[in-house]
Amino acid sequence: MSNEGLYETFLLKFPRDLNMEKLRQALVVEEASSAFRAAHTLLGLATNLSMETLCEALRPATEALRRGDLELAKTHMPRVEEAYLLIIEALK
C-alpha cells in the first residue's frame, strides 16, 4: 500500500481479526475446510500488511489445509503461533 494512514489503520486493527482464533478452533475440531478458509484469509491479511515472517509460516500450513491434510498443517502451527504472537506483542 502506498497510503501510510490506511496501512496504519489496517495494521492496528489486525489484533482484533478473528481468523487466527478460527484457525485454532477449526484445527481442534478437525474441520479442514474451515481451517483452510481461516488460514487463507489470515495469509491474505498478512501479505497485504507485509508481515513476511507470518506469511512464511502460514504458507505451508495453508497449502496442507488446501489438500485437506490436517496433520501436516498442525505440524506447522508452532511456527505460525510464534510469528503471530510476535506481531501481536509488537502492536501492543
C-alpha atoms as a PDB file:
ATOM      1  CA  MET A   1       0.000   0.000   0.000  1.00  0.00           C
ATOM      2  CA  SER A   2       1.239   3.459  -0.718  1.00  0.00           C
ATOM      3  CA  ASN A   3      -1.091   5.206   1.761  1.00  0.00           C
ATOM      4  CA  GLU A   4       0.604   5.177   5.163  1.00  0.00           C
ATOM      5  CA  GLY A   5      -2.521   6.212   7.056  1.00  0.00           C
ATOM      6  CA  LEU A   6      -4.594   3.426   5.535  1.00  0.00           C
ATOM      7  CA  TYR A   7      -1.816   0.918   6.215  1.00  0.00           C
ATOM      8  CA  GLU A   8      -1.629   2.029   9.854  1.00  0.00           C
ATOM      9  CA  THR A   9      -5.407   1.743  10.231  1.00  0.00           C
ATOM     10  CA  PHE A  10      -5.418  -1.863   8.998  1.00  0.00           C
ATOM     11  CA  LEU A  11      -2.288  -2.719  10.958  1.00  0.00           C
ATOM     12  CA  LEU A  12      -3.802  -1.519  14.222  1.00  0.00           C
ATOM     13  CA  LYS A  13      -6.998  -3.494  13.508  1.00  0.00           C
ATOM     14  CA  PHE A  14      -5.036  -6.705  12.928  1.00  0.00           C
ATOM     15  CA  PRO A  15      -5.070  -7.879  16.583  1.00  0.00           C
ATOM     16  CA  ARG A  16      -8.889  -7.791  16.540  1.00  0.00           C
ATOM     17  CA  ASP A  17      -9.128 -10.007  13.467  1.00  0.00           C
ATOM     18  CA  LEU A  18     -10.659 -13.372  14.390  1.00  0.00           C
ATOM     19  CA  ASN A  19      -9.068 -15.598  11.749  1.00  0.00           C
ATOM     20  CA  MET A  20      -6.268 -16.893  13.958  1.00  0.00           C
ATOM     21  CA  GLU A  21      -8.782 -17.990  16.566  1.00  0.00           C
ATOM     22  CA  LYS A  22     -10.975 -19.526  13.846  1.00  0.00           C
ATOM     23  CA  LEU A  23      -7.932 -21.414  12.559  1.00  0.00           C
ATOM     24  CA  ARG A  24      -7.082 -22.704  16.026  1.00  0.00           C
ATOM     25  CA  GLN A  25     -10.650 -23.823  16.680  1.00  0.00           C
ATOM     26  CA  ALA A  26     -11.050 -25.482  13.286  1.00  0.00           C
ATOM     27  CA  LEU A  27      -7.874 -27.482  13.842  1.00  0.00           C
ATOM     28  CA  VAL A  28      -9.101 -28.642  17.261  1.00  0.00           C
ATOM     29  CA  VAL A  29     -12.371 -29.941  15.812  1.00  0.00           C
ATOM     30  CA  GLU A  30     -10.579 -31.129  12.661  1.00  0.00           C
ATOM     31  CA  GLU A  31     -12.589 -29.075  10.177  1.00  0.00           C
ATOM     32  CA  ALA A  32     -10.168 -28.869   7.257  1.00  0.00           C
ATOM     33  CA  SER A  33     -12.306 -26.603   5.075  1.00  0.00           C
ATOM     34  CA  SER A  34     -12.925 -24.104   7.894  1.00  0.00           C
ATOM     35  CA  ALA A  35      -9.264 -24.199   8.868  1.00  0.00           C
ATOM     36  CA  PHE A  36      -8.267 -23.566   5.259  1.00  0.00           C
ATOM     37  CA  ARG A  37     -10.596 -20.566   4.943  1.00  0.00           C
ATOM     38  CA  ALA A  38      -9.236 -19.025   8.138  1.00  0.00           C
ATOM     39  CA  ALA A  39      -5.604 -19.712   7.237  1.00  0.00           C
ATOM     40  CA  HIS A  40      -6.055 -18.415   3.696  1.00  0.00           C
ATOM     41  CA  THR A  41      -7.741 -15.233   4.917  1.00  0.00           C
ATOM     42  CA  LEU A  42      -5.074 -14.690   7.565  1.00  0.00           C
ATOM     43  CA  LEU A  43      -2.376 -15.232   4.936  1.00  0.00           C
ATOM     44  CA  GLY A  44      -4.028 -12.613   2.725  1.00  0.00           C
ATOM     45  CA  LEU A  45      -4.116 -10.107   5.574  1.00  0.00           C
ATOM     46  CA  ALA A  46      -0.509 -10.808   6.497  1.00  0.00           C
ATOM     47  CA  THR A  47       0.550 -10.457   2.871  1.00  0.00           C
ATOM     48  CA  ASN A  48      -1.244  -7.129   2.456  1.00  0.00           C
ATOM     49  CA  LEU A  49       0.356  -5.864   5.666  1.00  0.00           C
ATOM     50  CA  SER A  50       3.847  -7.108   4.663  1.00  0.00           C
ATOM     51  CA  MET A  51       4.125  -9.432   7.668  1.00  0.00           C
ATOM     52  CA  GLU A  52       6.733 -11.618   5.991  1.00  0.00           C
ATOM     53  CA  THR A  53       7.559 -13.885   8.921  1.00  0.00           C
ATOM     54  CA  LEU A  54       3.903 -14.720   9.447  1.00  0.00           C
ATOM     55  CA  CYS A  55       3.423 -15.243   5.705  1.00  0.00           C
ATOM     56  CA  GLU A  56       6.343 -17.651   5.550  1.00  0.00           C
ATOM     57  CA  ALA A  57       4.933 -19.601   8.491  1.00  0.00           C
ATOM     58  CA  LEU A  58       1.378 -19.655   7.138  1.00  0.00           C
ATOM     59  CA  ARG A  59       2.111 -20.695   3.547  1.00  0.00           C
ATOM     60  CA  PRO A  60       2.945 -24.364   4.216  1.00  0.00           C
ATOM     61  CA  ALA A  61       0.097 -24.704   6.728  1.00  0.00           C
ATOM     62  CA  THR A  62      -2.343 -23.162   4.250  1.00  0.00           C
ATOM     63  CA  GLU A  63      -1.182 -25.428   1.439  1.00  0.00           C
ATOM     64  CA  ALA A  64      -1.514 -28.506   3.649  1.00  0.00           C
ATOM     65  CA  LEU A  65      -5.051 -27.432   4.512  1.00  0.00           C
ATOM     66  CA  ARG A  66      -5.844 -26.785   0.855  1.00  0.00           C
ATOM     67  CA  ARG A  67      -5.124 -30.513   0.342  1.00  0.00           C
ATOM     68  CA  GLY A  68      -7.103 -31.422   3.471  1.00  0.00           C
ATOM     69  CA  ASP A  69      -4.013 -32.610   5.357  1.00  0.00           C
ATOM     70  CA  LEU A  70      -4.833 -31.578   8.916  1.00  0.00           C
ATOM     71  CA  GLU A  71      -1.944 -33.462  10.489  1.00  0.00           C
ATOM     72  CA  LEU A  72       0.657 -31.773   8.300  1.00  0.00           C
ATOM     73  CA  ALA A  73      -0.957 -28.386   8.897  1.00  0.00           C
ATOM     74  CA  LYS A  74      -0.794 -28.959  12.647  1.00  0.00           C
ATOM     75  CA  THR A  75       2.967 -29.557  12.437  1.00  0.00           C
ATOM     76  CA  HIS A  76       3.351 -26.021  11.051  1.00  0.00           C
ATOM     77  CA  MET A  77       1.259 -24.358  13.754  1.00  0.00           C
ATOM     78  CA  PRO A  78       4.009 -23.784  16.346  1.00  0.00           C
ATOM     79  CA  ARG A  79       5.848 -21.598  13.843  1.00  0.00           C
ATOM     80  CA  VAL A  80       2.593 -19.845  12.881  1.00  0.00           C
ATOM     81  CA  GLU A  81       1.748 -19.236  16.539  1.00  0.00           C
ATOM     82  CA  GLU A  82       5.206 -17.848  17.261  1.00  0.00           C
ATOM     83  CA  ALA A  83       5.146 -15.445  14.314  1.00  0.00           C
ATOM     84  CA  TYR A  84       1.592 -14.367  15.099  1.00  0.00           C
ATOM     85  CA  LEU A  85       2.281 -13.711  18.778  1.00  0.00           C
ATOM     86  CA  LEU A  86       5.397 -11.666  17.982  1.00  0.00           C
ATOM     87  CA  ILE A  87       3.287  -9.397  15.798  1.00  0.00           C
ATOM     88  CA  ILE A  88       0.544  -9.073  18.399  1.00  0.00           C
ATOM     89  CA  GLU A  89       3.106  -8.184  21.080  1.00  0.00           C
ATOM     90  CA  ALA A  90       4.763  -5.616  18.811  1.00  0.00           C
ATOM     91  CA  LEU A  91       1.433  -3.933  18.157  1.00  0.00           C
ATOM     92  CA  LYS A  92       0.593  -3.508  21.860  1.00  0.00           C
END
